[in-house]
Amino acid sequence: MTNTSPKRKLTGKEIFKKGFVLLSGTAFVWFSVAGVIKMMTTPATPPANTQNQEELSPEARLEKEMLGYQLVLDKEPDNVFALEKLVEINLQLGNLSDALPLTEKLVALQPTNQRYQDVLKIIKQGLEAEKTQTPPPSDSSNIPVAK
């Protein structure tokens, strides 16, 4: 049994379509293989920002945060969120004298906020306690040595 149907001749449009599909498929395979090869041969490097964050001490991170909130306050002096964060950071760093004017400003901006008034009271008490504490003597020769 032989095939009696004559072979059909392809038109120019059909040739173009088949050539385009073949070319597109080849390009897709080539770029996929090239990407995989590049990924396998190039070592992965971590982003530069994550290395800097890991190297910073907690105090340095807080200082960096403080600078950011200070920039916000330079543009918006009455920004309550930035003021709260600066007070919080100063308290974490033990800077009561720096936290005091910021807390006073928060109380002035929102006089009905009891939390701000409580924090202001605690800061003032802490500053008073620092004033009444006597500093250790500068000459340590008077300290008895255990034998």
N, C-alpha and C. Protein backbone atom coordinates (compact mmCIF):
# COMPACT_ATOMS: atom_id res chain seq x y z
N MET A 1 0.84 -1.16 0.00
CA MET A 1 0.00 0.00 0.00
C MET A 1 0.89 1.23 0.00
N THR A 2 0.76 2.04 -0.96
CA THR A 2 1.56 3.24 -1.11
C THR A 2 0.71 4.46 -0.86
N ASN A 3 1.41 5.46 -0.40
CA ASN A 3 0.72 6.72 -0.12
C ASN A 3 0.56 7.46 -1.44
N THR A 4 -0.67 7.66 -1.83
CA THR A 4 -0.93 8.29 -3.11
C THR A 4 -1.11 9.79 -3.02
N SER A 5 -1.12 10.34 -1.78
CA SER A 5 -1.30 11.79 -1.66
C SER A 5 0.01 12.49 -1.99
N PRO A 6 -0.07 13.45 -2.87
CA PRO A 6 1.15 14.16 -3.25
C PRO A 6 1.65 15.05 -2.09
N LYS A 7 2.98 15.26 -2.00
CA LYS A 7 3.54 16.12 -0.96
C LYS A 7 3.15 17.55 -1.26
N ARG A 8 2.72 18.19 -0.24
CA ARG A 8 2.28 19.57 -0.39
C ARG A 8 3.47 20.50 -0.29
N LYS A 9 3.53 21.46 -1.11
CA LYS A 9 4.61 22.42 -1.11
C LYS A 9 4.30 23.50 -0.08
N LEU A 10 5.32 23.86 0.77
CA LEU A 10 5.13 24.87 1.81
C LEU A 10 5.17 26.26 1.20
N THR A 11 4.31 27.10 1.74
CA THR A 11 4.30 28.49 1.27
C THR A 11 5.36 29.28 2.04
N GLY A 12 5.64 30.47 1.60
CA GLY A 12 6.64 31.33 2.23
C GLY A 12 6.28 31.67 3.67
N LYS A 13 5.00 31.86 3.94
CA LYS A 13 4.53 32.18 5.28
C LYS A 13 4.75 31.01 6.22
N GLU A 14 4.46 29.82 5.78
CA GLU A 14 4.64 28.62 6.61
C GLU A 14 6.11 28.37 6.88
N ILE A 15 6.96 28.59 5.90
CA ILE A 15 8.41 28.42 6.09
C ILE A 15 8.90 29.41 7.15
N PHE A 16 8.43 30.66 7.03
CA PHE A 16 8.82 31.68 8.00
C PHE A 16 8.39 31.28 9.42
N LYS A 17 7.14 30.79 9.58
CA LYS A 17 6.65 30.38 10.89
C LYS A 17 7.48 29.25 11.47
N LYS A 18 7.77 28.23 10.66
CA LYS A 18 8.56 27.10 11.15
C LYS A 18 9.97 27.54 11.49
N GLY A 19 10.57 28.39 10.70
CA GLY A 19 11.91 28.89 10.98
C GLY A 19 11.93 29.74 12.25
N PHE A 20 10.91 30.55 12.43
CA PHE A 20 10.82 31.40 13.62
C PHE A 20 10.68 30.55 14.89
N VAL A 21 9.84 29.52 14.84
CA VAL A 21 9.66 28.63 15.98
C VAL A 21 10.96 27.90 16.29
N LEU A 22 11.64 27.41 15.27
CA LEU A 22 12.91 26.71 15.45
C LEU A 22 13.96 27.65 16.04
N LEU A 23 14.05 28.86 15.52
CA LEU A 23 15.02 29.84 16.02
C LEU A 23 14.70 30.24 17.46
N SER A 24 13.43 30.47 17.77
CA SER A 24 13.03 30.84 19.14
C SER A 24 13.34 29.72 20.12
N GLY A 25 13.05 28.50 19.76
CA GLY A 25 13.34 27.36 20.63
C GLY A 25 14.82 27.21 20.88
N THR A 26 15.61 27.38 19.84
CA THR A 26 17.06 27.28 19.99
C THR A 26 17.60 28.38 20.90
N ALA A 27 17.10 29.60 20.74
CA ALA A 27 17.54 30.72 21.57
C ALA A 27 17.15 30.47 23.04
N PHE A 28 15.95 29.97 23.26
CA PHE A 28 15.51 29.68 24.63
C PHE A 28 16.42 28.66 25.30
N VAL A 29 16.71 27.58 24.60
CA VAL A 29 17.57 26.53 25.15
C VAL A 29 18.97 27.09 25.40
N TRP A 30 19.50 27.89 24.46
CA TRP A 30 20.85 28.43 24.61
C TRP A 30 20.94 29.35 25.84
N PHE A 31 19.99 30.27 26.00
CA PHE A 31 20.05 31.19 27.14
C PHE A 31 19.83 30.46 28.47
N SER A 32 19.01 29.44 28.47
CA SER A 32 18.80 28.66 29.69
C SER A 32 20.08 27.93 30.10
N VAL A 33 20.72 27.29 29.14
CA VAL A 33 21.97 26.57 29.43
C VAL A 33 23.05 27.56 29.85
N ALA A 34 23.16 28.69 29.18
CA ALA A 34 24.18 29.69 29.53
C ALA A 34 23.96 30.21 30.95
N GLY A 35 22.71 30.42 31.36
CA GLY A 35 22.41 30.88 32.72
C GLY A 35 22.80 29.85 33.76
N VAL A 36 22.52 28.59 33.50
CA VAL A 36 22.88 27.52 34.43
C VAL A 36 24.40 27.40 34.54
N ILE A 37 25.10 27.49 33.42
CA ILE A 37 26.56 27.40 33.44
C ILE A 37 27.14 28.57 34.23
N LYS A 38 26.64 29.76 34.01
CA LYS A 38 27.13 30.93 34.74
C LYS A 38 26.87 30.80 36.23
N MET A 39 25.71 30.30 36.59
CA MET A 39 25.36 30.13 37.99
C MET A 39 26.29 29.11 38.65
N MET A 40 26.67 28.06 37.93
CA MET A 40 27.52 27.02 38.49
C MET A 40 28.98 27.47 38.60
N THR A 41 29.43 28.34 37.70
CA THR A 41 30.83 28.74 37.70
C THR A 41 31.11 29.98 38.52
N THR A 42 30.12 30.82 38.78
CA THR A 42 30.32 32.06 39.55
C THR A 42 29.93 31.80 41.00
N PRO A 43 30.83 32.06 41.96
CA PRO A 43 30.47 31.86 43.36
C PRO A 43 29.48 32.92 43.83
N ALA A 44 28.61 32.50 44.70
CA ALA A 44 27.61 33.43 45.24
C ALA A 44 28.27 34.31 46.30
N THR A 45 28.04 35.61 46.22
CA THR A 45 28.57 36.53 47.22
C THR A 45 27.40 37.19 47.94
N PRO A 46 27.48 37.31 49.26
CA PRO A 46 26.37 37.94 49.99
C PRO A 46 26.35 39.44 49.71
N PRO A 47 25.19 40.06 49.81
CA PRO A 47 25.11 41.51 49.61
C PRO A 47 25.97 42.24 50.63
N ALA A 48 26.50 43.37 50.24
CA ALA A 48 27.41 44.14 51.10
C ALA A 48 26.72 44.65 52.36
N ASN A 49 25.44 44.99 52.28
CA ASN A 49 24.74 45.57 53.43
C ASN A 49 24.62 44.59 54.59
N THR A 50 24.43 43.31 54.30
CA THR A 50 24.26 42.36 55.40
C THR A 50 25.56 42.18 56.16
N GLN A 51 26.70 42.27 55.49
CA GLN A 51 27.96 42.16 56.19
C GLN A 51 28.14 43.32 57.15
N ASN A 52 27.78 44.53 56.75
CA ASN A 52 27.93 45.69 57.61
C ASN A 52 27.03 45.59 58.82
N GLN A 53 25.81 45.10 58.65
CA GLN A 53 24.88 44.99 59.77
C GLN A 53 25.38 43.99 60.79
N GLU A 54 26.00 42.88 60.32
CA GLU A 54 26.48 41.87 61.25
C GLU A 54 27.69 42.36 62.03
N GLU A 55 28.51 43.23 61.43
CA GLU A 55 29.72 43.70 62.06
C GLU A 55 29.46 44.77 63.11
N LEU A 56 28.31 45.45 63.04
CA LEU A 56 28.03 46.54 63.96
C LEU A 56 27.68 45.99 65.34
N SER A 57 28.21 46.66 66.36
CA SER A 57 27.85 46.29 67.73
C SER A 57 26.45 46.82 68.00
N PRO A 58 25.80 46.31 69.06
CA PRO A 58 24.45 46.81 69.37
C PRO A 58 24.43 48.33 69.60
N GLU A 59 25.47 48.84 70.26
CA GLU A 59 25.51 50.28 70.51
C GLU A 59 25.65 51.06 69.21
N ALA A 60 26.48 50.54 68.31
CA ALA A 60 26.68 51.22 67.02
C ALA A 60 25.39 51.19 66.20
N ARG A 61 24.67 50.09 66.28
CA ARG A 61 23.39 50.01 65.57
C ARG A 61 22.40 51.04 66.11
N LEU A 62 22.38 51.17 67.45
CA LEU A 62 21.49 52.15 68.07
C LEU A 62 21.89 53.57 67.68
N GLU A 63 23.18 53.84 67.63
CA GLU A 63 23.66 55.16 67.24
C GLU A 63 23.25 55.46 65.79
N LYS A 64 23.35 54.46 64.93
CA LYS A 64 22.97 54.63 63.53
C LYS A 64 21.46 54.89 63.42
N GLU A 65 20.68 54.15 64.20
CA GLU A 65 19.23 54.38 64.22
C GLU A 65 18.92 55.79 64.70
N MET A 66 19.64 56.21 65.74
CA MET A 66 19.41 57.53 66.31
C MET A 66 19.64 58.62 65.27
N LEU A 67 20.69 58.46 64.46
CA LEU A 67 20.96 59.44 63.42
C LEU A 67 19.80 59.52 62.41
N GLY A 68 19.24 58.37 62.09
CA GLY A 68 18.11 58.35 61.16
C GLY A 68 16.90 59.08 61.72
N TYR A 69 16.58 58.82 62.99
CA TYR A 69 15.44 59.51 63.59
C TYR A 69 15.71 61.00 63.76
N GLN A 70 16.98 61.36 63.98
CA GLN A 70 17.33 62.77 64.10
C GLN A 70 17.12 63.48 62.77
N LEU A 71 17.41 62.79 61.66
CA LEU A 71 17.16 63.36 60.33
C LEU A 71 15.67 63.61 60.12
N VAL A 72 14.85 62.68 60.61
CA VAL A 72 13.41 62.87 60.51
C VAL A 72 12.99 64.11 61.30
N LEU A 73 13.54 64.26 62.50
CA LEU A 73 13.18 65.43 63.32
C LEU A 73 13.68 66.73 62.71
N ASP A 74 14.77 66.68 61.98
CA ASP A 74 15.25 67.89 61.31
C ASP A 74 14.23 68.38 60.28
N LYS A 75 13.55 67.43 59.65
CA LYS A 75 12.54 67.79 58.64
C LYS A 75 11.17 68.02 59.28
N GLU A 76 10.84 67.22 60.29
CA GLU A 76 9.54 67.30 60.96
C GLU A 76 9.77 67.37 62.47
N PRO A 77 9.97 68.56 63.02
CA PRO A 77 10.33 68.69 64.44
C PRO A 77 9.29 68.13 65.41
N ASP A 78 8.05 68.04 64.99
CA ASP A 78 7.00 67.55 65.89
C ASP A 78 6.57 66.12 65.59
N ASN A 79 7.42 65.35 64.94
CA ASN A 79 7.11 63.96 64.61
C ASN A 79 7.17 63.12 65.89
N VAL A 80 5.99 62.72 66.36
CA VAL A 80 5.88 62.02 67.64
C VAL A 80 6.58 60.67 67.60
N PHE A 81 6.46 59.96 66.50
CA PHE A 81 7.09 58.64 66.40
C PHE A 81 8.60 58.75 66.53
N ALA A 82 9.20 59.70 65.79
CA ALA A 82 10.66 59.86 65.86
C ALA A 82 11.09 60.29 67.26
N LEU A 83 10.32 61.17 67.89
CA LEU A 83 10.64 61.58 69.26
C LEU A 83 10.60 60.40 70.21
N GLU A 84 9.54 59.57 70.09
CA GLU A 84 9.42 58.38 70.96
C GLU A 84 10.63 57.46 70.77
N LYS A 85 10.99 57.22 69.51
CA LYS A 85 12.11 56.31 69.24
C LYS A 85 13.43 56.87 69.78
N LEU A 86 13.63 58.18 69.64
CA LEU A 86 14.86 58.77 70.16
C LEU A 86 14.92 58.68 71.69
N VAL A 87 13.77 58.87 72.33
CA VAL A 87 13.74 58.71 73.79
C VAL A 87 14.07 57.26 74.15
N GLU A 88 13.47 56.34 73.45
CA GLU A 88 13.70 54.91 73.72
C GLU A 88 15.18 54.54 73.54
N ILE A 89 15.78 55.00 72.46
CA ILE A 89 17.19 54.69 72.20
C ILE A 89 18.09 55.32 73.25
N ASN A 90 17.82 56.57 73.60
CA ASN A 90 18.62 57.23 74.63
C ASN A 90 18.51 56.52 75.96
N LEU A 91 17.33 56.03 76.29
CA LEU A 91 17.17 55.27 77.53
C LEU A 91 17.94 53.96 77.47
N GLN A 92 17.91 53.30 76.32
CA GLN A 92 18.66 52.05 76.17
C GLN A 92 20.16 52.29 76.32
N LEU A 93 20.63 53.44 75.85
CA LEU A 93 22.05 53.76 75.95
C LEU A 93 22.42 54.39 77.30
N GLY A 94 21.40 54.66 78.12
CA GLY A 94 21.64 55.25 79.44
C GLY A 94 21.87 56.75 79.39
N ASN A 95 21.45 57.40 78.33
CA ASN A 95 21.61 58.84 78.18
C ASN A 95 20.37 59.57 78.69
N LEU A 96 20.21 59.64 80.00
CA LEU A 96 19.03 60.28 80.57
C LEU A 96 18.98 61.77 80.24
N SER A 97 20.13 62.42 80.28
CA SER A 97 20.14 63.86 80.02
C SER A 97 19.75 64.18 78.57
N ASP A 98 20.05 63.29 77.63
CA ASP A 98 19.63 63.48 76.24
C ASP A 98 18.16 63.14 76.04
N ALA A 99 17.64 62.23 76.83
CA ALA A 99 16.24 61.82 76.71
C ALA A 99 15.29 62.85 77.32
N LEU A 100 15.79 63.63 78.28
CA LEU A 100 14.92 64.57 79.00
C LEU A 100 14.27 65.61 78.09
N PRO A 101 15.02 66.37 77.28
CA PRO A 101 14.34 67.38 76.46
C PRO A 101 13.39 66.78 75.42
N LEU A 102 13.72 65.60 74.94
CA LEU A 102 12.84 64.94 73.97
C LEU A 102 11.52 64.54 74.62
N THR A 103 11.61 64.04 75.85
CA THR A 103 10.40 63.64 76.57
C THR A 103 9.58 64.86 76.95
N GLU A 104 10.25 65.93 77.32
CA GLU A 104 9.52 67.18 77.63
C GLU A 104 8.76 67.67 76.41
N LYS A 105 9.37 67.52 75.24
CA LYS A 105 8.70 67.94 74.01
C LYS A 105 7.49 67.06 73.73
N LEU A 106 7.63 65.74 73.98
CA LEU A 106 6.48 64.84 73.80
C LEU A 106 5.34 65.24 74.73
N VAL A 107 5.66 65.57 75.98
CA VAL A 107 4.62 65.97 76.93
C VAL A 107 3.98 67.28 76.46
N ALA A 108 4.78 68.19 75.93
CA ALA A 108 4.24 69.45 75.44
C ALA A 108 3.32 69.24 74.23
N LEU A 109 3.70 68.29 73.37
CA LEU A 109 2.88 68.01 72.18
C LEU A 109 1.59 67.29 72.53
N GLN A 110 1.67 66.38 73.52
CA GLN A 110 0.50 65.60 73.92
C GLN A 110 0.38 65.59 75.44
N PRO A 111 -0.10 66.69 76.01
CA PRO A 111 -0.15 66.81 77.47
C PRO A 111 -1.10 65.82 78.15
N THR A 112 -2.03 65.26 77.42
CA THR A 112 -2.96 64.31 78.05
C THR A 112 -2.44 62.88 78.05
N ASN A 113 -1.32 62.64 77.42
CA ASN A 113 -0.76 61.29 77.35
C ASN A 113 -0.04 60.98 78.67
N GLN A 114 -0.65 60.15 79.48
CA GLN A 114 -0.12 59.83 80.80
C GLN A 114 1.20 59.06 80.73
N ARG A 115 1.35 58.27 79.71
CA ARG A 115 2.59 57.49 79.57
C ARG A 115 3.80 58.40 79.42
N TYR A 116 3.66 59.47 78.61
CA TYR A 116 4.75 60.42 78.45
C TYR A 116 5.09 61.09 79.78
N GLN A 117 4.06 61.44 80.53
CA GLN A 117 4.29 62.10 81.82
C GLN A 117 4.99 61.15 82.80
N ASP A 118 4.62 59.88 82.75
CA ASP A 118 5.27 58.89 83.62
C ASP A 118 6.74 58.72 83.25
N VAL A 119 7.02 58.65 81.97
CA VAL A 119 8.41 58.50 81.52
C VAL A 119 9.22 59.74 81.91
N LEU A 120 8.64 60.92 81.76
CA LEU A 120 9.33 62.15 82.15
C LEU A 120 9.66 62.14 83.64
N LYS A 121 8.72 61.70 84.44
CA LYS A 121 8.93 61.62 85.88
C LYS A 121 10.07 60.65 86.22
N ILE A 122 10.09 59.50 85.55
CA ILE A 122 11.13 58.50 85.80
C ILE A 122 12.50 59.03 85.38
N ILE A 123 12.54 59.73 84.25
CA ILE A 123 13.82 60.29 83.78
C ILE A 123 14.33 61.32 84.78
N LYS A 124 13.45 62.19 85.27
CA LYS A 124 13.86 63.21 86.24
C LYS A 124 14.35 62.55 87.53
N GLN A 125 13.68 61.48 87.96
CA GLN A 125 14.12 60.76 89.16
C GLN A 125 15.50 60.13 88.93
N GLY A 126 15.71 59.59 87.75
CA GLY A 126 17.00 58.99 87.42
C GLY A 126 18.11 60.02 87.41
N LEU A 127 17.83 61.20 86.88
CA LEU A 127 18.84 62.26 86.86
C LEU A 127 19.16 62.75 88.26
N GLU A 128 18.13 62.83 89.12
CA GLU A 128 18.36 63.22 90.51
C GLU A 128 19.21 62.17 91.23
N ALA A 129 18.93 60.90 90.94
CA ALA A 129 19.70 59.82 91.57
C ALA A 129 21.16 59.88 91.11
N GLU A 130 21.39 60.22 89.84
CA GLU A 130 22.76 60.35 89.35
C GLU A 130 23.50 61.49 90.04
N LYS A 131 22.78 62.59 90.34
CA LYS A 131 23.41 63.74 91.00
C LYS A 131 23.79 63.42 92.43
N THR A 132 22.96 62.64 93.13
CA THR A 132 23.20 62.37 94.54
C THR A 132 24.24 61.28 94.75
N GLN A 133 24.48 60.46 93.75
CA GLN A 133 25.49 59.42 93.90
C GLN A 133 26.86 60.06 93.95
N THR A 134 27.68 59.56 94.84
CA THR A 134 29.04 60.09 94.92
C THR A 134 29.92 59.29 93.99
N PRO A 135 30.72 59.95 93.19
CA PRO A 135 31.59 59.23 92.27
C PRO A 135 32.70 58.51 93.04
N PRO A 136 33.23 57.42 92.52
CA PRO A 136 34.31 56.71 93.20
C PRO A 136 35.55 57.60 93.27
N PRO A 137 36.36 57.42 94.30
CA PRO A 137 37.54 58.27 94.42
C PRO A 137 38.49 58.06 93.25
N SER A 138 39.12 59.15 92.84
CA SER A 138 40.03 59.05 91.69
C SER A 138 41.36 58.42 92.09
N ASP A 139 41.70 58.48 93.37
CA ASP A 139 42.94 57.88 93.86
C ASP A 139 42.59 56.52 94.46
N SER A 140 42.96 55.46 93.81
CA SER A 140 42.61 54.11 94.27
C SER A 140 43.64 53.55 95.25
N SER A 141 44.60 54.36 95.68
CA SER A 141 45.62 53.86 96.60
C SER A 141 45.06 53.66 98.01
N ASN A 142 43.89 54.24 98.32
CA ASN A 142 43.30 54.09 99.64
C ASN A 142 42.51 52.81 99.77
N ILE A 143 42.30 52.11 98.68
CA ILE A 143 41.49 50.88 98.72
C ILE A 143 42.36 49.77 99.29
N PRO A 144 41.87 49.11 100.38
CA PRO A 144 42.66 48.04 100.97
C PRO A 144 42.74 46.84 100.02
N VAL A 145 43.88 46.21 100.00
CA VAL A 145 44.12 45.04 99.15
C VAL A 145 43.96 43.81 100.00
N ALA A 146 43.14 42.86 99.54
CA ALA A 146 42.95 41.60 100.27
C ALA A 146 44.21 40.76 100.16
N LYS A 147 44.64 40.22 101.32
CA LYS A 147 45.85 39.40 101.33
C LYS A 147 45.54 37.98 101.70
